[in-house]
C-alpha cells in the first residue's frame, strides 16, 4: 500500500509539471485534477481518478501579442537531440508559424532545455513507453510542419478550390505520420460525404482548408 501512495505522489508531481507547461501563459489552457481515493476511516489511499480535463485547442493556431504557444513545443525544440530533430525535420522555434504568432519565442524566467528534461521524467513516472513518447513527439512535430503549409486559391469547374503550391511541408507531415502525400493533400483541400448511397467529393476554398487544418 505504501508503494501505491508513493507512486500516486509521484504522479501528482508529474501532473503538476505537465500542467505548468501551459498555466504560465496568461490564459488558463489546461485544467485537471488527480484526486486520491481513500478508504474510511483509516484514510488509506486506494487509487485515484482524474476529475476534469480541458484543453484550449485554439491556442495552437493563434496567440495574442507577446504570448507563446504551448510551452511544450519550445521545450521540445530546445531539448531534443540533433539526431531526433533531424528525424522529425525540425529546426528552431523561429521557423514555425504556430510558434511565432505572438511575436516571441522566449519566455523570461524559463529554461526550456531543463524543462524538457522534467517533461521526459514526468512521462516516465506516468509509465509511458518509449514508443508512446516518440509518437507524441511525432504528433507535435507534425503540427508544427502543418502550420507552415501555405494555400493558394484557384477555381475548378467554376467552384472555389485550394492549391498547395509547395509540397515540402506536406511531405514532412506525411513522412512523420506514415501516410501518403496525396492522401494528405486530398484531406486538406477537399471533403467527402456519403449521400444517396454514394460518395461525393467536393473542393474546399482556402478559408475552409485553413479551418480543417490542425
N, C-alpha and C. Protein backbone atom coordinates (compact mmCIF):
# COMPACT_ATOMS: atom_id res chain seq x y z
N UNK A 1 0.83 -1.20 0.00
CA UNK A 1 0.00 0.00 0.00
C UNK A 1 0.87 1.25 0.00
N UNK A 2 2.01 1.20 0.72
CA UNK A 2 2.91 2.34 0.75
C UNK A 2 3.45 2.65 -0.65
N UNK A 3 3.73 1.57 -1.43
CA UNK A 3 4.22 1.78 -2.78
C UNK A 3 3.17 2.51 -3.63
N UNK A 4 1.89 2.18 -3.43
CA UNK A 4 0.83 2.85 -4.17
C UNK A 4 0.78 4.33 -3.81
N UNK A 5 0.84 4.66 -2.51
CA UNK A 5 0.80 6.06 -2.09
C UNK A 5 2.00 6.82 -2.65
N UNK A 6 3.17 6.17 -2.64
CA UNK A 6 4.38 6.82 -3.16
C UNK A 6 4.24 7.07 -4.66
N UNK A 7 3.68 6.09 -5.39
CA UNK A 7 3.52 6.24 -6.83
C UNK A 7 2.51 7.35 -7.15
N UNK A 8 1.42 7.43 -6.41
CA UNK A 8 0.43 8.48 -6.63
C UNK A 8 1.02 9.85 -6.34
N UNK A 9 1.89 9.92 -5.35
CA UNK A 9 2.56 11.19 -5.05
C UNK A 9 3.43 11.61 -6.23
N UNK A 10 4.13 10.65 -6.83
CA UNK A 10 4.95 10.95 -7.99
C UNK A 10 4.09 11.37 -9.18
N UNK A 11 2.95 10.69 -9.34
CA UNK A 11 2.05 11.04 -10.43
C UNK A 11 1.50 12.45 -10.25
N UNK A 12 1.19 12.82 -9.02
CA UNK A 12 0.67 14.16 -8.75
C UNK A 12 1.72 15.20 -9.12
N UNK A 13 2.98 14.92 -8.77
CA UNK A 13 4.06 15.84 -9.12
C UNK A 13 4.23 15.92 -10.63
N UNK A 14 4.14 14.76 -11.31
CA UNK A 14 4.25 14.74 -12.77
C UNK A 14 3.12 15.53 -13.41
N UNK A 15 1.91 15.33 -12.88
CA UNK A 15 0.75 16.05 -13.42
C UNK A 15 0.96 17.55 -13.27
N UNK A 16 1.46 17.98 -12.11
CA UNK A 16 1.68 19.40 -11.89
C UNK A 16 2.67 19.96 -12.90
N UNK A 17 3.74 19.21 -13.15
CA UNK A 17 4.75 19.68 -14.09
C UNK A 17 4.17 19.80 -15.49
N UNK A 18 3.35 18.84 -15.89
CA UNK A 18 2.75 18.88 -17.21
C UNK A 18 1.75 20.03 -17.33
N UNK A 19 1.00 20.28 -16.26
CA UNK A 19 0.06 21.40 -16.27
C UNK A 19 0.79 22.73 -16.40
N UNK A 20 1.94 22.84 -15.74
CA UNK A 20 2.67 24.11 -15.74
C UNK A 20 3.20 24.46 -17.11
N UNK A 21 3.20 23.50 -18.04
CA UNK A 21 3.63 23.81 -19.40
C UNK A 21 2.72 24.85 -20.03
N UNK A 22 1.49 24.95 -19.55
CA UNK A 22 0.57 25.90 -20.14
C UNK A 22 0.09 26.94 -19.14
N UNK A 23 0.05 26.64 -17.88
CA UNK A 23 -0.55 27.54 -16.92
C UNK A 23 0.24 28.83 -16.73
N UNK A 24 1.48 28.87 -17.15
CA UNK A 24 2.24 30.10 -17.01
C UNK A 24 1.91 31.11 -18.09
N UNK A 25 1.11 30.70 -19.08
CA UNK A 25 0.57 31.68 -20.01
C UNK A 25 -0.50 32.49 -19.30
N UNK A 26 -0.88 33.62 -19.90
CA UNK A 26 -1.85 34.49 -19.26
C UNK A 26 -3.23 33.86 -19.17
N UNK A 27 -3.55 32.96 -20.10
CA UNK A 27 -4.86 32.31 -20.10
C UNK A 27 -4.76 30.90 -19.54
N UNK A 28 -5.85 30.43 -18.94
CA UNK A 28 -5.90 29.07 -18.44
C UNK A 28 -6.19 28.12 -19.60
N UNK A 29 -5.21 27.31 -19.96
CA UNK A 29 -5.34 26.46 -21.13
C UNK A 29 -5.64 25.02 -20.80
N UNK A 30 -5.13 24.59 -19.66
CA UNK A 30 -5.27 23.18 -19.31
C UNK A 30 -5.71 23.09 -17.86
N UNK A 31 -6.74 22.33 -17.59
CA UNK A 31 -7.25 22.25 -16.25
C UNK A 31 -7.54 20.81 -15.93
N UNK A 32 -7.16 20.37 -14.76
CA UNK A 32 -7.42 18.99 -14.40
C UNK A 32 -7.04 18.74 -12.97
N UNK A 33 -7.40 17.58 -12.46
CA UNK A 33 -7.06 17.26 -11.08
C UNK A 33 -6.96 15.77 -10.87
N UNK A 34 -5.91 15.34 -10.18
CA UNK A 34 -5.74 13.93 -9.83
C UNK A 34 -6.19 13.78 -8.39
N UNK A 35 -7.35 13.19 -8.16
CA UNK A 35 -7.93 13.12 -6.83
C UNK A 35 -7.72 11.73 -6.24
N UNK A 36 -6.97 11.63 -5.12
CA UNK A 36 -6.78 10.34 -4.47
C UNK A 36 -8.09 9.81 -3.92
N UNK A 37 -8.32 8.50 -4.03
CA UNK A 37 -9.50 7.85 -3.47
C UNK A 37 -9.07 7.11 -2.20
N UNK A 38 -9.67 7.46 -1.08
CA UNK A 38 -9.25 6.90 0.20
C UNK A 38 -10.32 5.97 0.77
N UNK A 39 -9.90 5.15 1.73
CA UNK A 39 -10.80 4.21 2.39
C UNK A 39 -11.02 4.68 3.83
N UNK A 40 -12.25 5.09 4.16
CA UNK A 40 -12.51 5.49 5.55
C UNK A 40 -12.58 4.24 6.44
N UNK A 41 -12.30 4.33 7.79
CA UNK A 41 -11.86 5.56 8.45
C UNK A 41 -10.34 5.74 8.46
N UNK A 42 -9.63 4.75 7.93
CA UNK A 42 -8.16 4.80 8.03
C UNK A 42 -7.55 5.89 7.15
N UNK A 43 -8.24 6.27 6.08
CA UNK A 43 -7.69 7.27 5.17
C UNK A 43 -6.64 6.72 4.23
N UNK A 44 -6.54 5.38 4.15
CA UNK A 44 -5.56 4.75 3.27
C UNK A 44 -5.91 5.00 1.80
N UNK A 45 -4.91 5.38 1.01
CA UNK A 45 -5.15 5.65 -0.40
C UNK A 45 -5.32 4.34 -1.16
N UNK A 46 -6.43 4.20 -1.89
CA UNK A 46 -6.70 3.01 -2.67
C UNK A 46 -6.44 3.19 -4.15
N UNK A 47 -6.51 4.41 -4.62
CA UNK A 47 -6.33 4.70 -6.04
C UNK A 47 -6.54 6.18 -6.28
N UNK A 48 -6.81 6.53 -7.54
CA UNK A 48 -7.02 7.93 -7.88
C UNK A 48 -7.76 8.02 -9.19
N UNK A 49 -8.36 9.19 -9.44
CA UNK A 49 -9.02 9.41 -10.71
C UNK A 49 -8.86 10.87 -11.11
N UNK A 50 -8.94 11.12 -12.43
CA UNK A 50 -8.85 12.48 -12.95
C UNK A 50 -10.23 13.11 -12.89
N UNK A 51 -10.34 14.26 -12.25
CA UNK A 51 -11.63 14.93 -12.08
C UNK A 51 -12.09 15.66 -13.34
N UNK A 52 -11.18 16.39 -13.96
CA UNK A 52 -11.59 17.28 -15.05
C UNK A 52 -10.43 17.50 -15.99
N UNK A 53 -10.76 17.69 -17.26
CA UNK A 53 -9.71 17.95 -18.25
C UNK A 53 -10.26 18.90 -19.29
N UNK A 54 -9.53 19.98 -19.54
CA UNK A 54 -9.95 20.98 -20.53
C UNK A 54 -8.73 21.46 -21.29
N UNK A 55 -8.79 21.42 -22.61
CA UNK A 55 -7.69 21.87 -23.44
C UNK A 55 -8.19 22.87 -24.46
N UNK A 56 -7.58 24.04 -24.49
CA UNK A 56 -7.96 25.09 -25.43
C UNK A 56 -7.20 24.89 -26.74
N UNK A 57 -7.84 24.24 -27.70
CA UNK A 57 -7.17 23.90 -28.94
C UNK A 57 -6.78 25.11 -29.76
N UNK A 58 -7.56 26.21 -29.65
CA UNK A 58 -7.30 27.37 -30.50
C UNK A 58 -5.94 27.99 -30.24
N UNK A 59 -5.36 27.74 -29.07
CA UNK A 59 -4.04 28.32 -28.77
C UNK A 59 -2.96 27.81 -29.71
N UNK A 60 -3.13 26.62 -30.25
CA UNK A 60 -2.12 26.08 -31.15
C UNK A 60 -2.00 26.94 -32.41
N UNK A 61 -3.12 27.40 -32.95
CA UNK A 61 -3.09 28.11 -34.23
C UNK A 61 -3.06 29.62 -34.09
N UNK A 62 -3.26 30.14 -32.88
CA UNK A 62 -3.28 31.59 -32.71
C UNK A 62 -2.80 31.97 -31.31
N UNK A 63 -1.97 33.01 -31.23
CA UNK A 63 -1.52 33.53 -29.96
C UNK A 63 -1.73 35.04 -29.93
N UNK A 64 -2.01 35.57 -28.76
CA UNK A 64 -2.12 37.01 -28.58
C UNK A 64 -0.73 37.64 -28.60
N UNK A 65 -0.64 38.96 -28.80
CA UNK A 65 0.67 39.63 -28.81
C UNK A 65 1.46 39.34 -27.54
N UNK A 66 2.77 39.08 -27.72
CA UNK A 66 3.70 38.81 -26.63
C UNK A 66 3.37 37.52 -25.86
N UNK A 67 2.67 36.62 -26.50
CA UNK A 67 2.32 35.36 -25.87
C UNK A 67 2.89 34.20 -26.67
N UNK A 68 3.34 33.17 -25.96
CA UNK A 68 3.85 31.99 -26.63
C UNK A 68 2.73 30.96 -26.81
N UNK A 69 3.02 30.00 -27.67
CA UNK A 69 2.15 28.84 -27.82
C UNK A 69 2.37 27.95 -26.59
N UNK A 70 1.84 26.72 -26.60
CA UNK A 70 2.09 25.80 -25.50
C UNK A 70 3.60 25.64 -25.31
N UNK A 71 4.04 25.72 -24.07
CA UNK A 71 5.48 25.69 -23.78
C UNK A 71 6.15 24.40 -24.22
N UNK A 72 5.37 23.31 -24.31
CA UNK A 72 5.98 22.03 -24.66
C UNK A 72 6.66 22.09 -26.03
N UNK A 73 6.11 22.89 -26.98
CA UNK A 73 6.74 22.99 -28.29
C UNK A 73 8.16 23.56 -28.18
N UNK A 74 8.31 24.62 -27.42
CA UNK A 74 9.60 25.29 -27.29
C UNK A 74 10.58 24.42 -26.48
N UNK A 75 10.05 23.75 -25.45
CA UNK A 75 10.89 22.85 -24.67
C UNK A 75 11.42 21.72 -25.55
N UNK A 76 10.55 21.20 -26.38
CA UNK A 76 10.94 20.10 -27.26
C UNK A 76 12.03 20.53 -28.23
N UNK A 77 11.86 21.66 -28.88
CA UNK A 77 12.84 22.13 -29.86
C UNK A 77 14.17 22.47 -29.20
N UNK A 78 14.11 22.88 -27.94
CA UNK A 78 15.34 23.22 -27.22
C UNK A 78 16.05 22.00 -26.65
N UNK A 79 15.27 20.98 -26.28
CA UNK A 79 15.85 19.84 -25.59
C UNK A 79 16.12 18.60 -26.41
N UNK A 80 15.51 18.48 -27.59
CA UNK A 80 15.73 17.29 -28.41
C UNK A 80 17.17 17.22 -28.92
N UNK A 81 17.67 16.02 -29.05
CA UNK A 81 19.00 15.84 -29.63
C UNK A 81 18.96 16.16 -31.12
N UNK A 82 20.11 16.47 -31.69
CA UNK A 82 20.18 16.78 -33.12
C UNK A 82 19.70 15.60 -33.95
N UNK A 83 20.01 14.39 -33.49
CA UNK A 83 19.58 13.20 -34.23
C UNK A 83 18.06 13.11 -34.31
N UNK A 84 17.39 13.35 -33.18
CA UNK A 84 15.94 13.28 -33.17
C UNK A 84 15.31 14.43 -33.94
N UNK A 85 15.93 15.60 -33.86
CA UNK A 85 15.41 16.73 -34.63
C UNK A 85 15.51 16.48 -36.12
N UNK A 86 16.59 15.84 -36.55
CA UNK A 86 16.74 15.51 -37.97
C UNK A 86 15.70 14.50 -38.41
N UNK A 87 15.40 13.52 -37.56
CA UNK A 87 14.39 12.51 -37.91
C UNK A 87 13.01 13.15 -38.07
N UNK A 88 12.77 14.21 -37.30
CA UNK A 88 11.47 14.88 -37.34
C UNK A 88 11.50 16.13 -38.20
N UNK A 89 12.63 16.37 -38.89
CA UNK A 89 12.79 17.51 -39.80
C UNK A 89 12.57 18.84 -39.09
N UNK A 90 13.06 18.97 -37.87
CA UNK A 90 12.81 20.15 -37.05
C UNK A 90 13.99 21.11 -37.02
N UNK A 91 13.66 22.41 -36.91
CA UNK A 91 14.65 23.47 -36.72
C UNK A 91 14.31 24.21 -35.44
N UNK A 92 14.82 25.44 -35.27
CA UNK A 92 14.48 26.17 -34.06
C UNK A 92 13.11 26.82 -34.19
N UNK A 93 12.61 27.33 -33.07
CA UNK A 93 11.22 27.81 -33.00
C UNK A 93 10.90 28.93 -33.96
N UNK A 94 11.88 29.73 -34.34
CA UNK A 94 11.62 30.88 -35.20
C UNK A 94 11.17 30.48 -36.60
N UNK A 95 11.28 29.21 -36.95
CA UNK A 95 10.93 28.75 -38.29
C UNK A 95 9.45 28.35 -38.42
N UNK A 96 8.68 28.42 -37.34
CA UNK A 96 7.33 27.86 -37.38
C UNK A 96 6.26 28.91 -37.11
N UNK A 97 5.30 28.97 -38.02
CA UNK A 97 4.21 29.94 -37.93
C UNK A 97 3.44 29.81 -36.62
N UNK A 98 3.19 28.60 -36.19
CA UNK A 98 2.42 28.39 -34.97
C UNK A 98 3.17 28.84 -33.72
N UNK A 99 4.48 29.01 -33.81
CA UNK A 99 5.27 29.38 -32.63
C UNK A 99 5.69 30.84 -32.62
N UNK A 100 5.38 31.56 -33.67
CA UNK A 100 5.81 32.95 -33.77
C UNK A 100 4.64 33.93 -33.87
N UNK A 101 3.42 33.42 -33.76
CA UNK A 101 2.25 34.28 -33.93
C UNK A 101 2.15 35.39 -32.90
N UNK A 102 2.67 35.15 -31.70
CA UNK A 102 2.62 36.17 -30.66
C UNK A 102 3.80 37.12 -30.66
N UNK A 103 4.74 36.87 -31.57
CA UNK A 103 5.90 37.75 -31.68
C UNK A 103 7.04 37.42 -30.75
N UNK A 104 6.97 36.32 -30.01
CA UNK A 104 8.03 35.96 -29.08
C UNK A 104 8.17 34.45 -28.99
N UNK A 105 9.42 33.98 -29.02
CA UNK A 105 9.67 32.54 -28.89
C UNK A 105 10.39 32.24 -27.58
N UNK A 106 10.63 33.25 -26.76
CA UNK A 106 11.28 33.06 -25.46
C UNK A 106 10.33 33.52 -24.37
N UNK A 107 10.55 33.03 -23.18
CA UNK A 107 9.75 33.41 -22.02
C UNK A 107 10.69 33.64 -20.85
N UNK A 108 10.69 34.86 -20.35
CA UNK A 108 11.62 35.24 -19.28
C UNK A 108 11.42 34.36 -18.06
N UNK A 109 12.54 33.88 -17.55
CA UNK A 109 12.49 33.06 -16.34
C UNK A 109 12.32 31.58 -16.58
N UNK A 110 12.22 31.18 -17.85
CA UNK A 110 12.05 29.76 -18.16
C UNK A 110 13.31 29.21 -18.81
N UNK A 111 13.62 27.99 -18.49
CA UNK A 111 14.73 27.26 -19.11
C UNK A 111 14.11 26.10 -19.88
N UNK A 112 13.89 26.29 -21.17
CA UNK A 112 13.18 25.29 -21.97
C UNK A 112 13.91 23.95 -22.00
N UNK A 113 15.24 23.99 -22.05
CA UNK A 113 16.00 22.74 -22.09
C UNK A 113 15.84 21.95 -20.81
N UNK A 114 15.95 22.63 -19.67
CA UNK A 114 15.80 21.96 -18.38
C UNK A 114 14.38 21.44 -18.21
N UNK A 115 13.40 22.19 -18.66
CA UNK A 115 12.02 21.76 -18.51
C UNK A 115 11.69 20.59 -19.42
N UNK A 116 12.40 20.48 -20.54
CA UNK A 116 12.21 19.31 -21.39
C UNK A 116 12.63 18.05 -20.65
N UNK A 117 13.69 18.14 -19.87
CA UNK A 117 14.11 17.01 -19.04
C UNK A 117 13.05 16.66 -18.01
N UNK A 118 12.43 17.70 -17.43
CA UNK A 118 11.35 17.46 -16.46
C UNK A 118 10.17 16.76 -17.12
N UNK A 119 9.86 17.18 -18.34
CA UNK A 119 8.75 16.57 -19.07
C UNK A 119 9.03 15.09 -19.33
N UNK A 120 10.26 14.79 -19.75
CA UNK A 120 10.63 13.40 -20.00
C UNK A 120 10.52 12.56 -18.72
N UNK A 121 10.96 13.14 -17.61
CA UNK A 121 10.87 12.42 -16.33
C UNK A 121 9.42 12.20 -15.94
N UNK A 122 8.57 13.22 -16.16
CA UNK A 122 7.16 13.09 -15.82
C UNK A 122 6.49 11.99 -16.64
N UNK A 123 6.85 11.90 -17.91
CA UNK A 123 6.28 10.87 -18.77
C UNK A 123 6.69 9.47 -18.30
N UNK A 124 7.91 9.34 -17.83
CA UNK A 124 8.38 8.06 -17.32
C UNK A 124 7.64 7.69 -16.04
N UNK A 125 7.42 8.68 -15.17
CA UNK A 125 6.66 8.43 -13.95
C UNK A 125 5.25 7.96 -14.29
N UNK A 126 4.69 8.52 -15.36
CA UNK A 126 3.36 8.12 -15.82
C UNK A 126 3.38 6.79 -16.57
N UNK A 127 4.55 6.17 -16.60
CA UNK A 127 4.74 4.83 -17.17
C UNK A 127 4.47 4.77 -18.67
N UNK A 128 4.77 5.86 -19.37
CA UNK A 128 4.68 5.85 -20.83
C UNK A 128 5.86 5.08 -21.39
N UNK A 129 5.63 4.31 -22.43
CA UNK A 129 6.70 3.56 -23.07
C UNK A 129 7.49 4.49 -24.00
N UNK A 130 8.67 4.05 -24.42
CA UNK A 130 9.47 4.83 -25.35
C UNK A 130 8.71 5.05 -26.66
N UNK A 131 7.96 4.04 -27.09
CA UNK A 131 7.18 4.17 -28.32
C UNK A 131 6.10 5.22 -28.17
N UNK A 132 5.41 5.23 -27.05
CA UNK A 132 4.36 6.23 -26.81
C UNK A 132 4.94 7.64 -26.77
N UNK A 133 6.08 7.78 -26.12
CA UNK A 133 6.72 9.10 -26.03
C UNK A 133 7.14 9.58 -27.41
N UNK A 134 7.70 8.68 -28.21
CA UNK A 134 8.12 9.06 -29.56
C UNK A 134 6.92 9.42 -30.43
N UNK A 135 5.82 8.70 -30.26
CA UNK A 135 4.61 9.02 -31.02
C UNK A 135 4.11 10.43 -30.68
N UNK A 136 4.18 10.81 -29.41
CA UNK A 136 3.77 12.15 -29.01
C UNK A 136 4.68 13.19 -29.66
N UNK A 137 5.97 12.91 -29.70
CA UNK A 137 6.90 13.84 -30.34
C UNK A 137 6.61 13.95 -31.83
N UNK A 138 6.24 12.86 -32.46
CA UNK A 138 5.90 12.91 -33.89
C UNK A 138 4.67 13.77 -34.13
N UNK A 139 3.67 13.63 -33.28
CA UNK A 139 2.45 14.43 -33.44
C UNK A 139 2.76 15.91 -33.27
N UNK A 140 3.55 16.26 -32.26
CA UNK A 140 3.91 17.67 -32.04
C UNK A 140 4.68 18.22 -33.24
N UNK A 141 5.59 17.42 -33.79
CA UNK A 141 6.36 17.86 -34.95
C UNK A 141 5.45 18.04 -36.16
N UNK A 142 4.53 17.10 -36.35
CA UNK A 142 3.60 17.18 -37.48
C UNK A 142 2.75 18.44 -37.40
N UNK A 143 2.33 18.82 -36.21
CA UNK A 143 1.55 20.04 -36.02
C UNK A 143 2.33 21.27 -36.47
N UNK A 144 3.61 21.31 -36.12
CA UNK A 144 4.43 22.47 -36.50
C UNK A 144 4.59 22.56 -38.01
N UNK A 145 4.86 21.44 -38.64
CA UNK A 145 5.00 21.43 -40.11
C UNK A 145 3.66 21.73 -40.79
N UNK A 146 2.58 21.26 -40.20
CA UNK A 146 1.25 21.52 -40.76
C UNK A 146 0.98 23.02 -40.79
N UNK A 147 1.38 23.70 -39.74
CA UNK A 147 1.16 25.14 -39.68
C UNK A 147 1.92 25.92 -40.73
N UNK A 148 2.96 25.34 -41.28
CA UNK A 148 3.77 26.02 -42.31
C UNK A 148 3.28 25.76 -43.73
N UNK A 149 2.27 24.94 -43.88
CA UNK A 149 1.71 24.68 -45.21
C UNK A 149 0.98 25.94 -45.70
N UNK A 150 1.29 26.36 -46.92
CA UNK A 150 0.68 27.56 -47.49
C UNK A 150 -0.30 27.19 -48.58
N UNK A 151 -1.46 27.86 -48.55
CA UNK A 151 -2.52 27.59 -49.51
C UNK A 151 -2.63 28.70 -50.55
N UNK A 152 -3.14 28.34 -51.69
CA UNK A 152 -3.41 29.30 -52.76
C UNK A 152 -4.76 28.99 -53.39
N UNK A 153 -5.59 30.01 -53.52
CA UNK A 153 -6.91 29.81 -54.09
C UNK A 153 -6.86 29.55 -55.59
N UNK A 154 -7.81 28.76 -56.07
CA UNK A 154 -7.94 28.53 -57.50
C UNK A 154 -9.40 28.18 -57.80
N UNK A 155 -9.73 28.04 -59.06
CA UNK A 155 -11.10 27.72 -59.46
C UNK A 155 -11.09 26.45 -60.30
N UNK A 156 -11.95 25.50 -59.93
CA UNK A 156 -12.09 24.25 -60.68
C UNK A 156 -13.56 24.10 -61.06
N UNK A 157 -13.82 24.12 -62.37
CA UNK A 157 -15.19 23.99 -62.87
C UNK A 157 -16.13 24.98 -62.20
N UNK A 158 -15.67 26.24 -62.15
CA UNK A 158 -16.44 27.36 -61.58
C UNK A 158 -16.67 27.25 -60.08
N UNK A 159 -15.91 26.41 -59.41
CA UNK A 159 -16.01 26.27 -57.96
C UNK A 159 -14.69 26.69 -57.31
N UNK A 160 -14.79 27.41 -56.19
CA UNK A 160 -13.59 27.79 -55.44
C UNK A 160 -12.90 26.53 -54.92
N UNK A 161 -11.60 26.50 -55.05
CA UNK A 161 -10.82 25.35 -54.60
C UNK A 161 -9.50 25.85 -54.00
N UNK A 162 -8.71 24.92 -53.53
CA UNK A 162 -7.45 25.25 -52.87
C UNK A 162 -6.31 24.46 -53.48
N UNK A 163 -5.20 25.16 -53.66
CA UNK A 163 -3.98 24.51 -54.16
C UNK A 163 -2.88 24.66 -53.11
N UNK A 164 -1.98 23.71 -53.06
CA UNK A 164 -0.80 23.79 -52.20
C UNK A 164 0.41 23.81 -53.12
N UNK A 165 0.91 25.01 -53.46
CA UNK A 165 2.00 25.12 -54.44
C UNK A 165 3.29 24.41 -54.02
N UNK A 166 3.63 24.52 -52.75
CA UNK A 166 4.86 23.93 -52.24
C UNK A 166 4.51 22.74 -51.35
N UNK A 167 4.94 21.54 -51.76
CA UNK A 167 4.58 20.32 -51.03
C UNK A 167 5.63 19.91 -50.00
N UNK A 168 6.62 20.74 -49.74
CA UNK A 168 7.71 20.32 -48.86
C UNK A 168 7.22 20.01 -47.44
N UNK A 169 6.35 20.87 -46.89
CA UNK A 169 5.84 20.61 -45.55
C UNK A 169 4.83 19.47 -45.54
N UNK A 170 4.08 19.33 -46.63
CA UNK A 170 3.17 18.19 -46.75
C UNK A 170 3.96 16.88 -46.71
N UNK A 171 5.08 16.85 -47.41
CA UNK A 171 5.91 15.66 -47.44
C UNK A 171 6.48 15.35 -46.05
N UNK A 172 6.84 16.39 -45.31
CA UNK A 172 7.36 16.17 -43.95
C UNK A 172 6.28 15.57 -43.06
N UNK A 173 5.09 16.15 -43.11
CA UNK A 173 3.99 15.64 -42.28
C UNK A 173 3.66 14.20 -42.67
N UNK A 174 3.56 13.94 -43.96
CA UNK A 174 3.23 12.59 -44.44
C UNK A 174 4.28 11.58 -43.99
N UNK A 175 5.54 11.98 -44.06
CA UNK A 175 6.63 11.09 -43.66
C UNK A 175 6.57 10.78 -42.16
N UNK A 176 6.34 11.81 -41.36
CA UNK A 176 6.30 11.64 -39.90
C UNK A 176 5.13 10.78 -39.47
N UNK A 177 3.97 11.01 -40.07
CA UNK A 177 2.76 10.30 -39.66
C UNK A 177 2.57 8.96 -40.38
N UNK A 178 3.37 8.72 -41.42
CA UNK A 178 3.29 7.46 -42.14
C UNK A 178 2.06 7.36 -43.01
N UNK A 179 1.69 8.47 -43.67
CA UNK A 179 0.54 8.47 -44.59
C UNK A 179 1.02 8.88 -45.97
N UNK A 180 0.21 8.63 -46.98
CA UNK A 180 0.55 9.01 -48.33
C UNK A 180 0.45 10.51 -48.53
N UNK A 181 1.37 11.08 -49.31
CA UNK A 181 1.36 12.53 -49.53
C UNK A 181 0.08 12.98 -50.21
N UNK A 182 -0.33 12.29 -51.25
CA UNK A 182 -1.52 12.70 -51.97
C UNK A 182 -2.77 12.55 -51.11
N UNK A 183 -2.80 11.53 -50.27
CA UNK A 183 -3.94 11.36 -49.36
C UNK A 183 -4.05 12.54 -48.40
N UNK A 184 -2.90 13.03 -47.94
CA UNK A 184 -2.89 14.18 -47.04
C UNK A 184 -3.32 15.45 -47.77
N UNK A 185 -2.83 15.63 -48.99
CA UNK A 185 -3.24 16.79 -49.79
C UNK A 185 -4.75 16.78 -49.99
N UNK A 186 -5.29 15.62 -50.33
CA UNK A 186 -6.73 15.50 -50.55
C UNK A 186 -7.51 15.82 -49.27
N UNK A 187 -7.00 15.36 -48.14
CA UNK A 187 -7.68 15.60 -46.87
C UNK A 187 -7.68 17.08 -46.49
N UNK A 188 -6.66 17.81 -46.93
CA UNK A 188 -6.53 19.23 -46.60
C UNK A 188 -7.28 20.14 -47.57
N UNK A 189 -7.60 19.65 -48.73
CA UNK A 189 -8.17 20.53 -49.77
C UNK A 189 -9.54 20.09 -50.28
N UNK A 190 -10.07 19.01 -49.76
CA UNK A 190 -11.37 18.54 -50.23
C UNK A 190 -12.11 17.84 -49.09
N UNK A 191 -13.39 17.60 -49.31
CA UNK A 191 -14.18 16.85 -48.32
C UNK A 191 -15.00 15.79 -49.04
N UNK A 192 -15.25 14.72 -48.35
CA UNK A 192 -16.01 13.61 -48.91
C UNK A 192 -17.22 13.33 -48.04
N UNK A 193 -18.39 13.29 -48.64
CA UNK A 193 -19.61 12.98 -47.91
C UNK A 193 -20.32 11.81 -48.59
N UNK A 194 -21.11 11.09 -47.79
CA UNK A 194 -21.86 9.95 -48.30
C UNK A 194 -23.33 10.37 -48.40
N UNK A 195 -23.85 10.41 -49.61
CA UNK A 195 -25.23 10.82 -49.80
C UNK A 195 -25.89 10.00 -50.88
N UNK A 196 -27.12 9.63 -50.65
CA UNK A 196 -27.92 8.86 -51.60
C UNK A 196 -27.19 7.61 -52.09
N UNK A 197 -26.50 6.97 -51.16
CA UNK A 197 -25.85 5.71 -51.47
C UNK A 197 -24.53 5.80 -52.20
N UNK A 198 -23.97 7.01 -52.31
CA UNK A 198 -22.68 7.12 -52.98
C UNK A 198 -21.82 8.21 -52.34
N UNK A 199 -20.51 8.12 -52.58
CA UNK A 199 -19.57 9.10 -52.05
C UNK A 199 -19.47 10.28 -53.00
N UNK A 200 -19.50 11.49 -52.43
CA UNK A 200 -19.38 12.71 -53.23
C UNK A 200 -18.20 13.51 -52.70
N UNK A 201 -17.27 13.82 -53.58
CA UNK A 201 -16.09 14.60 -53.21
C UNK A 201 -16.26 16.03 -53.72
N UNK A 202 -16.07 17.00 -52.85
CA UNK A 202 -16.18 18.41 -53.24
C UNK A 202 -14.95 19.17 -52.79
N UNK A 203 -14.65 20.26 -53.47
CA UNK A 203 -13.46 21.05 -53.15
C UNK A 203 -13.73 21.98 -51.97
N UNK A 204 -12.65 22.42 -51.33
CA UNK A 204 -12.72 23.40 -50.25
C UNK A 204 -12.02 24.67 -50.70
N UNK A 205 -12.57 25.83 -50.33
CA UNK A 205 -11.85 27.07 -50.60
C UNK A 205 -10.75 27.25 -49.57
N UNK A 206 -9.94 28.27 -49.71
CA UNK A 206 -8.77 28.42 -48.83
C UNK A 206 -9.17 28.61 -47.37
N UNK A 207 -10.23 29.36 -47.11
CA UNK A 207 -10.66 29.55 -45.72
C UNK A 207 -11.12 28.23 -45.10
N UNK A 208 -11.82 27.44 -45.86
CA UNK A 208 -12.27 26.14 -45.36
C UNK A 208 -11.09 25.21 -45.12
N UNK A 209 -10.09 25.26 -46.00
CA UNK A 209 -8.90 24.43 -45.83
C UNK A 209 -8.14 24.82 -44.58
N UNK A 210 -8.08 26.12 -44.29
CA UNK A 210 -7.41 26.59 -43.08
C UNK A 210 -8.17 26.16 -41.84
N UNK A 211 -9.50 26.14 -41.93
CA UNK A 211 -10.32 25.75 -40.78
C UNK A 211 -10.13 24.30 -40.41
N UNK A 212 -9.98 23.43 -41.39
CA UNK A 212 -9.88 22.00 -41.07
C UNK A 212 -8.45 21.60 -40.73
N UNK A 213 -7.49 22.47 -41.05
CA UNK A 213 -6.10 22.16 -40.72
C UNK A 213 -5.91 22.22 -39.20
N UNK A 214 -5.20 21.25 -38.62
CA UNK A 214 -4.96 21.26 -37.17
C UNK A 214 -4.22 22.53 -36.75
